Amino acid sequence: MPLRLLSIIELGGYPNLLPLYQRLGFDVDVVNSQRKARSLLKKSVPDVVVAEYIYQSDFRDRTSNLETLMAVLQRHPQVKVVVFYLPEQAEKLALLEARFKLFAKIAFPVTPSEVEAVLQRVSA
């Protein structure tokens, strides 16, 4: 049975990775918001989530787009989360990672070869 991958593309700025995901044998769902991702998670739990880390200092109770998603995923510790991030936000991402387990982090500019290397570890 193929592994399921949820790709959350909010800003983009990297190559279209859908063909890579499919070539690696994943069944892929693509959404463009955290809200849609959380809605999808109510219906099915993927094996892998690939998402962008977006630091947002204007939130009252969280610092990024990922806190709520990661809180939901705590109920599913088997899900591997891969995060794309801007190098200048590494310090803020480290604060998130101190609270939630990430499988891998890939700094921008994101390349298909880096993503492929990480995803091959998922199915190993």
N, C-alpha and C. Protein backbone atom coordinates (compact mmCIF):
# COMPACT_ATOMS: atom_id res chain seq x y z
N MET A 1 0.85 -1.19 0.00
CA MET A 1 0.00 0.00 0.00
C MET A 1 0.89 1.25 0.00
N PRO A 2 0.64 2.19 -0.91
CA PRO A 2 1.49 3.38 -0.98
C PRO A 2 1.34 4.26 0.26
N LEU A 3 2.40 4.94 0.59
CA LEU A 3 2.36 5.91 1.69
C LEU A 3 1.62 7.16 1.22
N ARG A 4 0.93 7.82 2.16
CA ARG A 4 0.21 9.06 1.86
C ARG A 4 1.06 10.25 2.29
N LEU A 5 1.04 11.28 1.45
CA LEU A 5 1.78 12.50 1.73
C LEU A 5 0.84 13.68 1.59
N LEU A 6 0.84 14.54 2.59
CA LEU A 6 0.07 15.78 2.55
C LEU A 6 1.04 16.92 2.33
N SER A 7 0.88 17.62 1.22
CA SER A 7 1.71 18.77 0.88
C SER A 7 0.90 20.04 1.13
N ILE A 8 1.42 20.90 2.00
CA ILE A 8 0.75 22.15 2.32
C ILE A 8 1.58 23.28 1.72
N ILE A 9 1.06 23.88 0.65
CA ILE A 9 1.79 24.93 -0.06
C ILE A 9 1.07 26.25 0.17
N GLU A 10 1.60 27.06 1.08
CA GLU A 10 0.97 28.34 1.39
C GLU A 10 1.61 29.49 0.61
N LEU A 11 2.92 29.51 0.52
CA LEU A 11 3.61 30.57 -0.19
C LEU A 11 4.33 30.08 -1.45
N GLY A 12 4.85 28.87 -1.39
CA GLY A 12 5.60 28.34 -2.53
C GLY A 12 6.99 28.92 -2.57
N GLY A 13 7.47 29.19 -3.78
CA GLY A 13 8.82 29.71 -3.91
C GLY A 13 9.84 28.61 -4.07
N TYR A 14 9.38 27.44 -4.46
CA TYR A 14 10.25 26.30 -4.71
C TYR A 14 9.65 25.50 -5.86
N PRO A 15 10.42 24.56 -6.43
CA PRO A 15 9.93 23.82 -7.59
C PRO A 15 8.66 23.02 -7.26
N ASN A 16 7.89 22.72 -8.29
CA ASN A 16 6.72 21.84 -8.15
C ASN A 16 7.23 20.45 -7.80
N LEU A 17 6.94 19.99 -6.60
CA LEU A 17 7.46 18.70 -6.13
C LEU A 17 6.48 17.55 -6.32
N LEU A 18 5.29 17.84 -6.83
CA LEU A 18 4.29 16.79 -7.02
C LEU A 18 4.82 15.64 -7.87
N PRO A 19 5.47 15.90 -9.02
CA PRO A 19 6.00 14.77 -9.80
C PRO A 19 7.02 13.93 -9.01
N LEU A 20 7.82 14.58 -8.18
CA LEU A 20 8.79 13.86 -7.35
C LEU A 20 8.06 12.97 -6.36
N TYR A 21 7.09 13.53 -5.66
CA TYR A 21 6.33 12.75 -4.68
C TYR A 21 5.72 11.52 -5.36
N GLN A 22 5.12 11.73 -6.50
CA GLN A 22 4.46 10.63 -7.22
C GLN A 22 5.50 9.60 -7.70
N ARG A 23 6.63 10.07 -8.22
CA ARG A 23 7.68 9.16 -8.68
C ARG A 23 8.18 8.28 -7.53
N LEU A 24 8.21 8.84 -6.33
CA LEU A 24 8.66 8.09 -5.16
C LEU A 24 7.57 7.15 -4.63
N GLY A 25 6.39 7.18 -5.25
CA GLY A 25 5.34 6.24 -4.90
C GLY A 25 4.33 6.71 -3.87
N PHE A 26 4.34 7.99 -3.55
CA PHE A 26 3.39 8.52 -2.57
C PHE A 26 2.04 8.80 -3.23
N ASP A 27 0.96 8.56 -2.49
CA ASP A 27 -0.35 9.10 -2.83
C ASP A 27 -0.36 10.49 -2.21
N VAL A 28 -0.64 11.52 -3.00
CA VAL A 28 -0.44 12.89 -2.55
C VAL A 28 -1.75 13.68 -2.50
N ASP A 29 -1.91 14.40 -1.40
CA ASP A 29 -2.96 15.42 -1.28
C ASP A 29 -2.24 16.75 -1.18
N VAL A 30 -2.73 17.74 -1.92
CA VAL A 30 -2.14 19.08 -1.90
C VAL A 30 -3.20 20.07 -1.45
N VAL A 31 -2.87 20.89 -0.45
CA VAL A 31 -3.77 21.95 0.00
C VAL A 31 -2.97 23.25 0.07
N ASN A 32 -3.69 24.37 0.10
CA ASN A 32 -2.99 25.67 0.10
C ASN A 32 -3.21 26.48 1.38
N SER A 33 -3.69 25.82 2.44
CA SER A 33 -3.84 26.53 3.71
C SER A 33 -3.80 25.54 4.87
N GLN A 34 -3.43 26.05 6.03
CA GLN A 34 -3.43 25.22 7.24
C GLN A 34 -4.85 24.78 7.59
N ARG A 35 -5.81 25.64 7.36
CA ARG A 35 -7.20 25.30 7.65
C ARG A 35 -7.64 24.09 6.83
N LYS A 36 -7.31 24.09 5.55
CA LYS A 36 -7.67 22.95 4.69
C LYS A 36 -6.91 21.70 5.10
N ALA A 37 -5.69 21.87 5.53
CA ALA A 37 -4.90 20.73 5.99
C ALA A 37 -5.54 20.10 7.22
N ARG A 38 -5.93 20.92 8.18
CA ARG A 38 -6.56 20.38 9.40
C ARG A 38 -7.88 19.70 9.06
N SER A 39 -8.62 20.25 8.12
CA SER A 39 -9.88 19.62 7.70
C SER A 39 -9.61 18.25 7.09
N LEU A 40 -8.59 18.16 6.26
CA LEU A 40 -8.23 16.90 5.63
C LEU A 40 -7.77 15.87 6.67
N LEU A 41 -7.07 16.34 7.70
CA LEU A 41 -6.58 15.43 8.74
C LEU A 41 -7.72 14.80 9.53
N LYS A 42 -8.87 15.42 9.53
CA LYS A 42 -10.03 14.83 10.21
C LYS A 42 -10.54 13.62 9.45
N LYS A 43 -10.28 13.57 8.14
CA LYS A 43 -10.76 12.48 7.30
C LYS A 43 -9.74 11.36 7.14
N SER A 44 -8.46 11.73 7.01
CA SER A 44 -7.42 10.72 6.87
C SER A 44 -6.09 11.27 7.36
N VAL A 45 -5.31 10.38 7.92
CA VAL A 45 -4.02 10.77 8.49
C VAL A 45 -2.92 10.30 7.53
N PRO A 46 -2.11 11.23 7.02
CA PRO A 46 -1.04 10.85 6.10
C PRO A 46 0.14 10.24 6.84
N ASP A 47 1.04 9.66 6.09
CA ASP A 47 2.29 9.16 6.66
C ASP A 47 3.31 10.29 6.79
N VAL A 48 3.21 11.26 5.86
CA VAL A 48 4.17 12.37 5.79
C VAL A 48 3.41 13.66 5.55
N VAL A 49 3.84 14.73 6.21
CA VAL A 49 3.35 16.07 5.93
C VAL A 49 4.54 16.91 5.53
N VAL A 50 4.42 17.60 4.39
CA VAL A 50 5.46 18.53 3.95
C VAL A 50 4.83 19.92 3.99
N ALA A 51 5.42 20.82 4.76
CA ALA A 51 4.84 22.15 4.95
C ALA A 51 5.93 23.20 5.06
N GLU A 52 5.53 24.44 4.81
CA GLU A 52 6.43 25.58 4.96
C GLU A 52 6.29 26.13 6.37
N TYR A 53 7.42 26.52 6.95
CA TYR A 53 7.39 27.23 8.23
C TYR A 53 7.34 28.71 7.91
N ILE A 54 6.32 29.37 8.43
CA ILE A 54 6.16 30.81 8.20
C ILE A 54 6.07 31.48 9.57
N TYR A 55 7.12 32.19 9.94
CA TYR A 55 7.13 32.90 11.22
C TYR A 55 6.20 34.10 11.12
N GLN A 56 5.35 34.26 12.14
CA GLN A 56 4.40 35.38 12.16
C GLN A 56 4.34 35.95 13.56
N SER A 57 4.95 37.10 13.73
CA SER A 57 5.04 37.69 15.06
C SER A 57 3.74 38.35 15.51
N ASP A 58 2.78 38.49 14.61
CA ASP A 58 1.55 39.20 14.97
C ASP A 58 0.48 38.31 15.60
N PHE A 59 0.74 37.01 15.72
CA PHE A 59 -0.23 36.14 16.38
C PHE A 59 -0.14 36.31 17.89
N ARG A 60 -1.26 36.29 18.55
CA ARG A 60 -1.29 36.47 20.00
C ARG A 60 -0.78 35.21 20.73
N ASP A 61 -1.22 34.04 20.28
CA ASP A 61 -0.96 32.82 21.05
C ASP A 61 -0.03 31.83 20.35
N ARG A 62 0.54 32.21 19.21
CA ARG A 62 1.48 31.33 18.52
C ARG A 62 2.42 32.17 17.68
N THR A 63 3.48 31.55 17.21
CA THR A 63 4.50 32.31 16.49
C THR A 63 4.62 31.94 15.02
N SER A 64 3.87 30.93 14.59
CA SER A 64 4.00 30.53 13.19
C SER A 64 2.71 29.89 12.70
N ASN A 65 2.72 29.54 11.44
CA ASN A 65 1.58 28.88 10.82
C ASN A 65 1.47 27.41 11.25
N LEU A 66 2.48 26.85 11.89
CA LEU A 66 2.49 25.41 12.14
C LEU A 66 2.05 24.96 13.54
N GLU A 67 1.95 25.86 14.50
CA GLU A 67 1.62 25.41 15.86
C GLU A 67 0.33 24.60 15.95
N THR A 68 -0.72 25.09 15.35
CA THR A 68 -2.01 24.39 15.44
C THR A 68 -1.93 23.04 14.76
N LEU A 69 -1.33 23.00 13.58
CA LEU A 69 -1.16 21.74 12.87
C LEU A 69 -0.36 20.74 13.70
N MET A 70 0.73 21.20 14.26
CA MET A 70 1.58 20.31 15.06
C MET A 70 0.85 19.81 16.30
N ALA A 71 0.02 20.65 16.89
CA ALA A 71 -0.76 20.21 18.05
C ALA A 71 -1.72 19.09 17.65
N VAL A 72 -2.34 19.21 16.49
CA VAL A 72 -3.23 18.16 15.98
C VAL A 72 -2.42 16.88 15.74
N LEU A 73 -1.25 17.03 15.16
CA LEU A 73 -0.43 15.86 14.82
C LEU A 73 0.17 15.16 16.04
N GLN A 74 0.14 15.81 17.19
CA GLN A 74 0.64 15.14 18.40
C GLN A 74 -0.16 13.87 18.69
N ARG A 75 -1.40 13.84 18.24
CA ARG A 75 -2.23 12.64 18.42
C ARG A 75 -1.83 11.53 17.45
N HIS A 76 -0.95 11.86 16.51
CA HIS A 76 -0.52 10.90 15.49
C HIS A 76 1.01 10.92 15.40
N PRO A 77 1.70 10.42 16.42
CA PRO A 77 3.16 10.54 16.47
C PRO A 77 3.89 9.82 15.34
N GLN A 78 3.19 8.94 14.64
CA GLN A 78 3.82 8.21 13.53
C GLN A 78 3.98 9.07 12.28
N VAL A 79 3.28 10.21 12.22
CA VAL A 79 3.35 11.09 11.05
C VAL A 79 4.69 11.81 11.05
N LYS A 80 5.37 11.75 9.92
CA LYS A 80 6.66 12.41 9.77
C LYS A 80 6.44 13.78 9.14
N VAL A 81 6.96 14.81 9.80
CA VAL A 81 6.76 16.19 9.33
C VAL A 81 8.08 16.72 8.77
N VAL A 82 8.00 17.18 7.52
CA VAL A 82 9.15 17.79 6.84
C VAL A 82 8.80 19.26 6.65
N VAL A 83 9.72 20.14 7.07
CA VAL A 83 9.46 21.57 7.05
C VAL A 83 10.47 22.29 6.16
N PHE A 84 9.96 23.16 5.30
CA PHE A 84 10.80 24.06 4.51
C PHE A 84 10.83 25.40 5.27
N TYR A 85 12.01 26.01 5.39
CA TYR A 85 12.10 27.25 6.17
C TYR A 85 13.15 28.19 5.57
N LEU A 86 12.96 29.46 5.88
CA LEU A 86 13.95 30.47 5.49
C LEU A 86 15.09 30.43 6.50
N PRO A 87 16.34 30.43 6.05
CA PRO A 87 17.47 30.35 6.98
C PRO A 87 17.43 31.41 8.09
N GLU A 88 16.96 32.61 7.76
CA GLU A 88 16.91 33.67 8.78
C GLU A 88 15.85 33.40 9.86
N GLN A 89 15.02 32.39 9.65
CA GLN A 89 14.01 32.02 10.66
C GLN A 89 14.39 30.75 11.42
N ALA A 90 15.61 30.30 11.26
CA ALA A 90 16.06 29.05 11.91
C ALA A 90 15.92 29.11 13.43
N GLU A 91 16.23 30.27 14.01
CA GLU A 91 16.14 30.41 15.47
C GLU A 91 14.69 30.26 15.95
N LYS A 92 13.77 30.85 15.23
CA LYS A 92 12.35 30.74 15.59
C LYS A 92 11.85 29.32 15.37
N LEU A 93 12.30 28.68 14.29
CA LEU A 93 11.92 27.29 14.03
C LEU A 93 12.42 26.38 15.14
N ALA A 94 13.60 26.67 15.66
CA ALA A 94 14.15 25.86 16.76
C ALA A 94 13.23 25.90 17.98
N LEU A 95 12.57 27.03 18.23
CA LEU A 95 11.62 27.12 19.34
C LEU A 95 10.43 26.19 19.11
N LEU A 96 9.94 26.13 17.88
CA LEU A 96 8.85 25.21 17.53
C LEU A 96 9.32 23.77 17.70
N GLU A 97 10.52 23.50 17.22
CA GLU A 97 11.05 22.15 17.29
C GLU A 97 11.31 21.69 18.72
N ALA A 98 11.52 22.63 19.62
CA ALA A 98 11.69 22.27 21.03
C ALA A 98 10.38 21.72 21.61
N ARG A 99 9.26 22.10 21.01
CA ARG A 99 7.94 21.66 21.49
C ARG A 99 7.35 20.52 20.68
N PHE A 100 7.71 20.44 19.41
CA PHE A 100 7.12 19.44 18.51
C PHE A 100 8.22 18.75 17.71
N LYS A 101 8.06 17.45 17.52
CA LYS A 101 9.07 16.67 16.79
C LYS A 101 8.91 16.85 15.28
N LEU A 102 10.02 17.20 14.64
CA LEU A 102 10.07 17.29 13.19
C LEU A 102 10.93 16.16 12.66
N PHE A 103 10.55 15.59 11.53
CA PHE A 103 11.35 14.54 10.92
C PHE A 103 12.55 15.13 10.20
N ALA A 104 12.33 16.25 9.51
CA ALA A 104 13.41 16.89 8.77
C ALA A 104 13.09 18.35 8.53
N LYS A 105 14.16 19.15 8.37
CA LYS A 105 14.05 20.57 8.03
C LYS A 105 14.90 20.79 6.79
N ILE A 106 14.36 21.54 5.84
CA ILE A 106 15.10 21.87 4.62
C ILE A 106 15.05 23.38 4.44
N ALA A 107 16.22 24.00 4.40
CA ALA A 107 16.29 25.45 4.24
C ALA A 107 16.08 25.84 2.78
N PHE A 108 15.47 27.00 2.59
CA PHE A 108 15.38 27.58 1.25
C PHE A 108 16.77 27.98 0.80
N PRO A 109 17.13 27.88 -0.46
CA PRO A 109 16.29 27.41 -1.55
C PRO A 109 16.14 25.88 -1.53
N VAL A 110 14.91 25.42 -1.59
CA VAL A 110 14.58 24.00 -1.56
C VAL A 110 14.87 23.40 -2.93
N THR A 111 15.58 22.27 -2.92
CA THR A 111 15.85 21.58 -4.19
C THR A 111 15.20 20.20 -4.18
N PRO A 112 14.75 19.74 -5.34
CA PRO A 112 14.16 18.40 -5.41
C PRO A 112 15.10 17.31 -4.87
N SER A 113 16.40 17.44 -5.10
CA SER A 113 17.32 16.39 -4.64
C SER A 113 17.35 16.31 -3.11
N GLU A 114 17.29 17.47 -2.43
CA GLU A 114 17.24 17.46 -0.95
C GLU A 114 15.96 16.80 -0.47
N VAL A 115 14.85 17.16 -1.09
CA VAL A 115 13.56 16.60 -0.69
C VAL A 115 13.54 15.09 -0.94
N GLU A 116 14.07 14.68 -2.08
CA GLU A 116 14.11 13.25 -2.40
C GLU A 116 14.92 12.48 -1.37
N ALA A 117 16.07 13.01 -0.97
CA ALA A 117 16.91 12.35 0.02
C ALA A 117 16.15 12.16 1.35
N VAL A 118 15.43 13.18 1.76
CA VAL A 118 14.65 13.11 3.01
C VAL A 118 13.53 12.08 2.87
N LEU A 119 12.81 12.13 1.77
CA LEU A 119 11.67 11.23 1.61
C LEU A 119 12.10 9.78 1.43
N GLN A 120 13.27 9.55 0.92
CA GLN A 120 13.75 8.17 0.83
C GLN A 120 14.01 7.61 2.22
N ARG A 121 14.33 8.45 3.18
CA ARG A 121 14.50 8.01 4.57
C ARG A 121 13.15 7.65 5.20
N VAL A 122 12.07 8.26 4.73
CA VAL A 122 10.74 7.99 5.26
C VAL A 122 10.36 6.53 5.04
N SER A 123 10.60 6.08 3.82
CA SER A 123 10.15 4.73 3.47
C SER A 123 11.21 3.67 3.75
N ALA A 124 12.37 4.09 4.28
CA ALA A 124 13.44 3.13 4.56
C ALA A 124 13.15 2.32 5.81
